Amino acid sequence: MRRLQRLAAIVAGSMLLAIGINFFLVPFEVLDGGIIGMALMVSYLTDMKVGLASVICSIPFFILSWFKHRALFFSSLQGLIISWLLIDLAQPFQYYFIYLVELSPPVSSMIGGGLIGTGFGIMLRYNLSTGGTDLLAHFVSRSSRFNVGFILFGLDVVIVTIGGFLFSAETFLLSVMSISAGGMATGLCTWKPPSQYARYHR
């Protein structure tokens, strides 16, 4: 049963990532934080598919996981593969969504960021990951009292700031909206009462 729950969390989280990226961020060339933000930058600059770019960008973090937490390496590998496939499989449907739904860039950015943050949060609740900076945030969270969502938010700010220098000021502002919504969503999904933190860190 536990294994089925974890698989369901990976699929559900990856589907939210795919929807948030392809239907809400990519149409306006908005960046997100973390490994997705890196992958989007690569995609916008080279036309590489976002899912494939996320795999390439995740390699250093998976090397770290191999030495730090072998079990998390294998569970994250599952998440990476499933999210990669769903993100790239959803890309062709982007046109139909844009045709049917009209959203302003700020609204689309916040919805997309919220969906991505929720997807990550669902997986992190089951100690799962898609690799990348959420994997790094997981390691930091295990050895501290900081919420995973807030750790990710700090990393996201750094990545989006770098993206702001590569793209326009509008892209930077929309990306800040995206990571703000995503950070709050992930924080809500992974929040635990203080008593649970004490139990977790014994």
C-alpha atoms as a PDB file:
ATOM      1  CA  MET A   1       0.000   0.000   0.000  1.00  0.00           C
ATOM      2  CA  ARG A   2       2.803   2.408   0.921  1.00  0.00           C
ATOM      3  CA  ARG A   3       4.516   1.746  -2.406  1.00  0.00           C
ATOM      4  CA  LEU A   4       1.282   2.491  -4.293  1.00  0.00           C
ATOM      5  CA  GLN A   5       0.863   5.743  -2.363  1.00  0.00           C
ATOM      6  CA  ARG A   6       4.381   6.814  -3.258  1.00  0.00           C
ATOM      7  CA  LEU A   7       3.824   5.970  -6.928  1.00  0.00           C
ATOM      8  CA  ALA A   8       0.546   7.905  -6.902  1.00  0.00           C
ATOM      9  CA  ALA A   9       2.360  10.877  -5.331  1.00  0.00           C
ATOM     10  CA  ILE A  10       5.019  10.806  -8.064  1.00  0.00           C
ATOM     11  CA  VAL A  11       2.443  10.636 -10.869  1.00  0.00           C
ATOM     12  CA  ALA A  12       0.164  13.302  -9.354  1.00  0.00           C
ATOM     13  CA  GLY A  13       3.073  15.630  -8.593  1.00  0.00           C
ATOM     14  CA  SER A  14       4.591  15.158 -12.043  1.00  0.00           C
ATOM     15  CA  MET A  15       1.247  15.842 -13.725  1.00  0.00           C
ATOM     16  CA  LEU A  16       0.972  19.143 -11.847  1.00  0.00           C
ATOM     17  CA  LEU A  17       4.521  20.019 -12.926  1.00  0.00           C
ATOM     18  CA  ALA A  18       3.694  19.217 -16.555  1.00  0.00           C
ATOM     19  CA  ILE A  19       0.515  21.318 -16.512  1.00  0.00           C
ATOM     20  CA  GLY A  20       2.107  24.256 -14.709  1.00  0.00           C
ATOM     21  CA  ILE A  21       5.139  24.361 -16.993  1.00  0.00           C
ATOM     22  CA  ASN A  22       3.577  23.749 -20.398  1.00  0.00           C
ATOM     23  CA  PHE A  23       0.237  25.521 -20.046  1.00  0.00           C
ATOM     24  CA  PHE A  24       1.075  28.467 -17.795  1.00  0.00           C
ATOM     25  CA  LEU A  25       4.791  29.336 -17.855  1.00  0.00           C
ATOM     26  CA  VAL A  26       6.142  28.446 -21.298  1.00  0.00           C
ATOM     27  CA  PRO A  27       3.536  30.455 -23.302  1.00  0.00           C
ATOM     28  CA  PHE A  28       4.869  33.677 -21.727  1.00  0.00           C
ATOM     29  CA  GLU A  29       8.505  32.529 -21.423  1.00  0.00           C
ATOM     30  CA  VAL A  30       8.310  32.718 -17.638  1.00  0.00           C
ATOM     31  CA  LEU A  31      10.989  31.111 -15.492  1.00  0.00           C
ATOM     32  CA  ASP A  32      10.521  29.112 -12.338  1.00  0.00           C
ATOM     33  CA  GLY A  33      13.063  28.348  -9.670  1.00  0.00           C
ATOM     34  CA  GLY A  34      15.106  25.253  -9.039  1.00  0.00           C
ATOM     35  CA  ILE A  35      15.907  22.670 -11.636  1.00  0.00           C
ATOM     36  CA  ILE A  36      12.763  23.609 -13.577  1.00  0.00           C
ATOM     37  CA  GLY A  37      14.026  27.179 -13.829  1.00  0.00           C
ATOM     38  CA  MET A  38      17.370  25.960 -15.137  1.00  0.00           C
ATOM     39  CA  ALA A  39      15.637  23.656 -17.608  1.00  0.00           C
ATOM     40  CA  LEU A  40      13.355  26.472 -18.818  1.00  0.00           C
ATOM     41  CA  MET A  41      16.362  28.734 -19.400  1.00  0.00           C
ATOM     42  CA  VAL A  42      18.050  26.009 -21.431  1.00  0.00           C
ATOM     43  CA  SER A  43      14.815  25.386 -23.338  1.00  0.00           C
ATOM     44  CA  TYR A  44      14.242  29.064 -24.173  1.00  0.00           C
ATOM     45  CA  LEU A  45      17.843  29.480 -25.324  1.00  0.00           C
ATOM     46  CA  THR A  46      18.220  26.236 -27.290  1.00  0.00           C
ATOM     47  CA  ASP A  47      14.660  24.961 -28.054  1.00  0.00           C
ATOM     48  CA  MET A  48      15.456  21.758 -26.157  1.00  0.00           C
ATOM     49  CA  LYS A  49      12.426  20.105 -24.559  1.00  0.00           C
ATOM     50  CA  VAL A  50      11.982  21.140 -20.921  1.00  0.00           C
ATOM     51  CA  GLY A  51      11.796  17.581 -19.572  1.00  0.00           C
ATOM     52  CA  LEU A  52      15.012  16.536 -21.280  1.00  0.00           C
ATOM     53  CA  ALA A  53      16.753  19.725 -20.156  1.00  0.00           C
ATOM     54  CA  SER A  54      15.720  19.007 -16.553  1.00  0.00           C
ATOM     55  CA  VAL A  55      17.364  15.573 -16.761  1.00  0.00           C
ATOM     56  CA  ILE A  56      20.645  17.072 -17.963  1.00  0.00           C
ATOM     57  CA  CYS A  57      20.591  19.815 -15.307  1.00  0.00           C
ATOM     58  CA  SER A  58      19.852  17.249 -12.576  1.00  0.00           C
ATOM     59  CA  ILE A  59      22.987  15.174 -13.137  1.00  0.00           C
ATOM     60  CA  PRO A  60      25.205  17.020 -10.570  1.00  0.00           C
ATOM     61  CA  PHE A  61      22.517  16.735  -7.887  1.00  0.00           C
ATOM     62  CA  PHE A  62      22.107  13.024  -8.528  1.00  0.00           C
ATOM     63  CA  ILE A  63      25.838  12.552  -8.134  1.00  0.00           C
ATOM     64  CA  LEU A  64      25.551  14.279  -4.733  1.00  0.00           C
ATOM     65  CA  SER A  65      22.605  12.057  -3.793  1.00  0.00           C
ATOM     66  CA  TRP A  66      24.523   8.908  -4.761  1.00  0.00           C
ATOM     67  CA  PHE A  67      27.141   9.671  -2.118  1.00  0.00           C
ATOM     68  CA  LYS A  68      24.865  11.260   0.509  1.00  0.00           C
ATOM     69  CA  HIS A  69      21.671   9.206   0.452  1.00  0.00           C
ATOM     70  CA  ARG A  70      21.590   6.150  -1.818  1.00  0.00           C
ATOM     71  CA  ALA A  71      17.911   5.302  -1.097  1.00  0.00           C
ATOM     72  CA  LEU A  72      16.837   8.851  -1.986  1.00  0.00           C
ATOM     73  CA  PHE A  73      18.875   8.598  -5.172  1.00  0.00           C
ATOM     74  CA  PHE A  74      16.756   5.687  -6.414  1.00  0.00           C
ATOM     75  CA  SER A  75      13.417   7.172  -5.343  1.00  0.00           C
ATOM     76  CA  SER A  76      14.393  10.515  -6.952  1.00  0.00           C
ATOM     77  CA  LEU A  77      15.377   8.705 -10.132  1.00  0.00           C
ATOM     78  CA  GLN A  78      11.803   7.423 -10.373  1.00  0.00           C
ATOM     79  CA  GLY A  79      10.460  10.932  -9.941  1.00  0.00           C
ATOM     80  CA  LEU A  80      12.859  12.364 -12.505  1.00  0.00           C
ATOM     81  CA  ILE A  81      11.965   9.814 -15.182  1.00  0.00           C
ATOM     82  CA  ILE A  82       8.191  10.092 -14.687  1.00  0.00           C
ATOM     83  CA  SER A  83       8.213  13.904 -14.546  1.00  0.00           C
ATOM     84  CA  TRP A  84      10.486  14.081 -17.610  1.00  0.00           C
ATOM     85  CA  LEU A  85       8.099  11.900 -19.618  1.00  0.00           C
ATOM     86  CA  LEU A  86       4.923  13.701 -18.505  1.00  0.00           C
ATOM     87  CA  ILE A  87       6.382  17.184 -19.042  1.00  0.00           C
ATOM     88  CA  ASP A  88       7.461  16.395 -22.599  1.00  0.00           C
ATOM     89  CA  LEU A  89       4.304  14.390 -23.402  1.00  0.00           C
ATOM     90  CA  ALA A  90       2.127  17.341 -22.342  1.00  0.00           C
ATOM     91  CA  GLN A  91       3.985  19.820 -24.549  1.00  0.00           C
ATOM     92  CA  PRO A  92       1.997  19.136 -27.777  1.00  0.00           C
ATOM     93  CA  PHE A  93      -1.267  19.964 -25.956  1.00  0.00           C
ATOM     94  CA  GLN A  94      -0.017  23.431 -25.082  1.00  0.00           C
ATOM     95  CA  TYR A  95      -1.467  24.907 -28.283  1.00  0.00           C
ATOM     96  CA  TYR A  96      -5.010  23.691 -27.549  1.00  0.00           C
ATOM     97  CA  PHE A  97      -4.933  25.044 -23.999  1.00  0.00           C
ATOM     98  CA  ILE A  98      -3.750  28.490 -25.131  1.00  0.00           C
ATOM     99  CA  TYR A  99      -6.452  28.529 -27.807  1.00  0.00           C
ATOM    100  CA  LEU A 100      -9.228  27.741 -25.304  1.00  0.00           C
ATOM    101  CA  VAL A 101      -8.023  29.686 -22.256  1.00  0.00           C
ATOM    102  CA  GLU A 102      -6.871  33.301 -22.236  1.00  0.00           C
ATOM    103  CA  LEU A 103      -4.986  34.488 -19.163  1.00  0.00           C
ATOM    104  CA  SER A 104      -2.904  37.568 -18.477  1.00  0.00           C
ATOM    105  CA  PRO A 105       0.826  36.923 -17.963  1.00  0.00           C
ATOM    106  CA  PRO A 106       0.756  37.703 -14.187  1.00  0.00           C
ATOM    107  CA  VAL A 107      -2.223  35.419 -13.516  1.00  0.00           C
ATOM    108  CA  SER A 108      -0.761  32.648 -15.646  1.00  0.00           C
ATOM    109  CA  SER A 109       2.597  32.968 -13.846  1.00  0.00           C
ATOM    110  CA  MET A 110       1.044  32.666 -10.388  1.00  0.00           C
ATOM    111  CA  ILE A 111      -1.179  29.736 -11.328  1.00  0.00           C
ATOM    112  CA  GLY A 112       1.724  27.947 -12.992  1.00  0.00           C
ATOM    113  CA  GLY A 113       4.006  28.541 -10.011  1.00  0.00           C
ATOM    114  CA  GLY A 114       1.312  27.360  -7.609  1.00  0.00           C
ATOM    115  CA  LEU A 115       0.766  24.154  -9.564  1.00  0.00           C
ATOM    116  CA  ILE A 116       4.490  23.424  -9.746  1.00  0.00           C
ATOM    117  CA  GLY A 117       4.944  24.158  -6.035  1.00  0.00           C
ATOM    118  CA  THR A 118       2.040  21.880  -5.148  1.00  0.00           C
ATOM    119  CA  GLY A 119       3.481  19.118  -7.328  1.00  0.00           C
ATOM    120  CA  PHE A 120       6.835  19.331  -5.566  1.00  0.00           C
ATOM    121  CA  GLY A 121       5.123  19.531  -2.178  1.00  0.00           C
ATOM    122  CA  ILE A 122       3.108  16.365  -2.771  1.00  0.00           C
ATOM    123  CA  MET A 123       6.250  14.433  -3.617  1.00  0.00           C
ATOM    124  CA  LEU A 124       8.314  15.870  -0.771  1.00  0.00           C
ATOM    125  CA  ARG A 125       5.667  14.793   1.758  1.00  0.00           C
ATOM    126  CA  TYR A 126       6.489  11.214   0.798  1.00  0.00           C
ATOM    127  CA  ASN A 127      10.252  11.868   0.869  1.00  0.00           C
ATOM    128  CA  LEU A 128      10.270  11.798  -2.923  1.00  0.00           C
ATOM    129  CA  SER A 129      11.985  14.117  -5.342  1.00  0.00           C
ATOM    130  CA  THR A 130      12.546  14.706  -9.028  1.00  0.00           C
ATOM    131  CA  GLY A 131      16.187  15.502  -8.374  1.00  0.00           C
ATOM    132  CA  GLY A 132      17.722  18.937  -8.675  1.00  0.00           C
ATOM    133  CA  THR A 133      17.520  21.695  -6.089  1.00  0.00           C
ATOM    134  CA  ASP A 134      14.528  20.091  -4.357  1.00  0.00           C
ATOM    135  CA  LEU A 135      16.872  17.166  -3.636  1.00  0.00           C
ATOM    136  CA  LEU A 136      19.402  19.587  -2.168  1.00  0.00           C
ATOM    137  CA  ALA A 137      16.649  21.272  -0.124  1.00  0.00           C
ATOM    138  CA  HIS A 138      15.612  17.877   1.199  1.00  0.00           C
ATOM    139  CA  PHE A 139      19.137  17.253   2.543  1.00  0.00           C
ATOM    140  CA  VAL A 140      19.246  20.677   4.212  1.00  0.00           C
ATOM    141  CA  SER A 141      15.794  20.178   5.738  1.00  0.00           C
ATOM    142  CA  ARG A 142      16.768  16.807   7.219  1.00  0.00           C
ATOM    143  CA  SER A 143      19.593  18.420   9.189  1.00  0.00           C
ATOM    144  CA  SER A 144      17.768  21.606  10.230  1.00  0.00           C
ATOM    145  CA  ARG A 145      14.403  22.941  11.361  1.00  0.00           C
ATOM    146  CA  PHE A 146      13.878  24.893   8.147  1.00  0.00           C
ATOM    147  CA  ASN A 147      10.823  24.077   6.058  1.00  0.00           C
ATOM    148  CA  VAL A 148      11.627  22.581   2.662  1.00  0.00           C
ATOM    149  CA  GLY A 149       9.435  25.160   0.942  1.00  0.00           C
ATOM    150  CA  PHE A 150      11.401  28.083   2.383  1.00  0.00           C
ATOM    151  CA  ILE A 151      14.732  26.507   1.467  1.00  0.00           C
ATOM    152  CA  LEU A 152      13.522  26.012  -2.082  1.00  0.00           C
ATOM    153  CA  PHE A 153      12.283  29.598  -2.191  1.00  0.00           C
ATOM    154  CA  GLY A 154      15.757  30.923  -1.351  1.00  0.00           C
ATOM    155  CA  LEU A 155      17.375  28.780  -4.036  1.00  0.00           C
ATOM    156  CA  ASP A 156      14.686  29.832  -6.498  1.00  0.00           C
ATOM    157  CA  VAL A 157      15.401  33.529  -5.931  1.00  0.00           C
ATOM    158  CA  VAL A 158      19.051  32.997  -6.879  1.00  0.00           C
ATOM    159  CA  ILE A 159      18.165  31.112 -10.070  1.00  0.00           C
ATOM    160  CA  VAL A 160      15.484  33.567 -11.189  1.00  0.00           C
ATOM    161  CA  THR A 161      17.828  36.504 -10.554  1.00  0.00           C
ATOM    162  CA  ILE A 162      20.382  34.917 -12.882  1.00  0.00           C
ATOM    163  CA  GLY A 163      17.604  34.407 -15.427  1.00  0.00           C
ATOM    164  CA  GLY A 164      16.671  38.074 -15.100  1.00  0.00           C
ATOM    165  CA  PHE A 165      20.072  39.047 -16.456  1.00  0.00           C
ATOM    166  CA  LEU A 166      19.674  36.690 -19.417  1.00  0.00           C
ATOM    167  CA  PHE A 167      16.136  37.725 -20.349  1.00  0.00           C
ATOM    168  CA  SER A 168      13.925  40.797 -19.938  1.00  0.00           C
ATOM    169  CA  ALA A 169      12.805  42.697 -16.841  1.00  0.00           C
ATOM    170  CA  GLU A 170       9.257  41.525 -17.549  1.00  0.00           C
ATOM    171  CA  THR A 171      10.405  37.901 -17.500  1.00  0.00           C
ATOM    172  CA  PHE A 172      12.126  38.531 -14.170  1.00  0.00           C
ATOM    173  CA  LEU A 173       9.027  40.086 -12.569  1.00  0.00           C
ATOM    174  CA  LEU A 174       6.728  37.333 -13.831  1.00  0.00           C
ATOM    175  CA  SER A 175       9.194  34.726 -12.622  1.00  0.00           C
ATOM    176  CA  VAL A 176       9.246  36.293  -9.145  1.00  0.00           C
ATOM    177  CA  MET A 177       5.450  35.940  -9.076  1.00  0.00           C
ATOM    178  CA  SER A 178       5.798  32.311 -10.127  1.00  0.00           C
ATOM    179  CA  ILE A 179       8.325  31.326  -7.457  1.00  0.00           C
ATOM    180  CA  SER A 180       6.425  33.253  -4.766  1.00  0.00           C
ATOM    181  CA  ALA A 181       3.267  31.288  -5.483  1.00  0.00           C
ATOM    182  CA  GLY A 182       5.273  28.067  -5.778  1.00  0.00           C
ATOM    183  CA  GLY A 183       7.141  28.615  -2.508  1.00  0.00           C
ATOM    184  CA  MET A 184       3.906  29.188  -0.600  1.00  0.00           C
ATOM    185  CA  ALA A 185       2.270  26.122  -2.159  1.00  0.00           C
ATOM    186  CA  THR A 186       5.237  23.878  -1.344  1.00  0.00           C
ATOM    187  CA  GLY A 187       5.425  25.265   2.183  1.00  0.00           C
ATOM    188  CA  LEU A 188       1.747  24.516   2.805  1.00  0.00           C
ATOM    189  CA  CYS A 189       2.086  20.987   1.429  1.00  0.00           C
ATOM    190  CA  THR A 190       5.149  20.153   3.532  1.00  0.00           C
ATOM    191  CA  TRP A 191       4.302  21.988   6.754  1.00  0.00           C
ATOM    192  CA  LYS A 192       4.500  19.959   9.970  1.00  0.00           C
ATOM    193  CA  PRO A 193       3.618  20.938  13.567  1.00  0.00           C
ATOM    194  CA  PRO A 194       6.668  21.590  15.826  1.00  0.00           C
ATOM    195  CA  SER A 195       6.035  18.316  17.692  1.00  0.00           C
ATOM    196  CA  GLN A 196       6.498  16.368  14.457  1.00  0.00           C
ATOM    197  CA  TYR A 197       9.763  18.172  13.721  1.00  0.00           C
ATOM    198  CA  ALA A 198      11.094  17.159  17.137  1.00  0.00           C
ATOM    199  CA  ARG A 199      10.134  13.541  16.493  1.00  0.00           C
ATOM    200  CA  TYR A 200      11.588  13.644  12.970  1.00  0.00           C
ATOM    201  CA  HIS A 201      15.012  14.914  14.089  1.00  0.00           C
ATOM    202  CA  ARG A 202      15.599  12.459  16.954  1.00  0.00           C
END
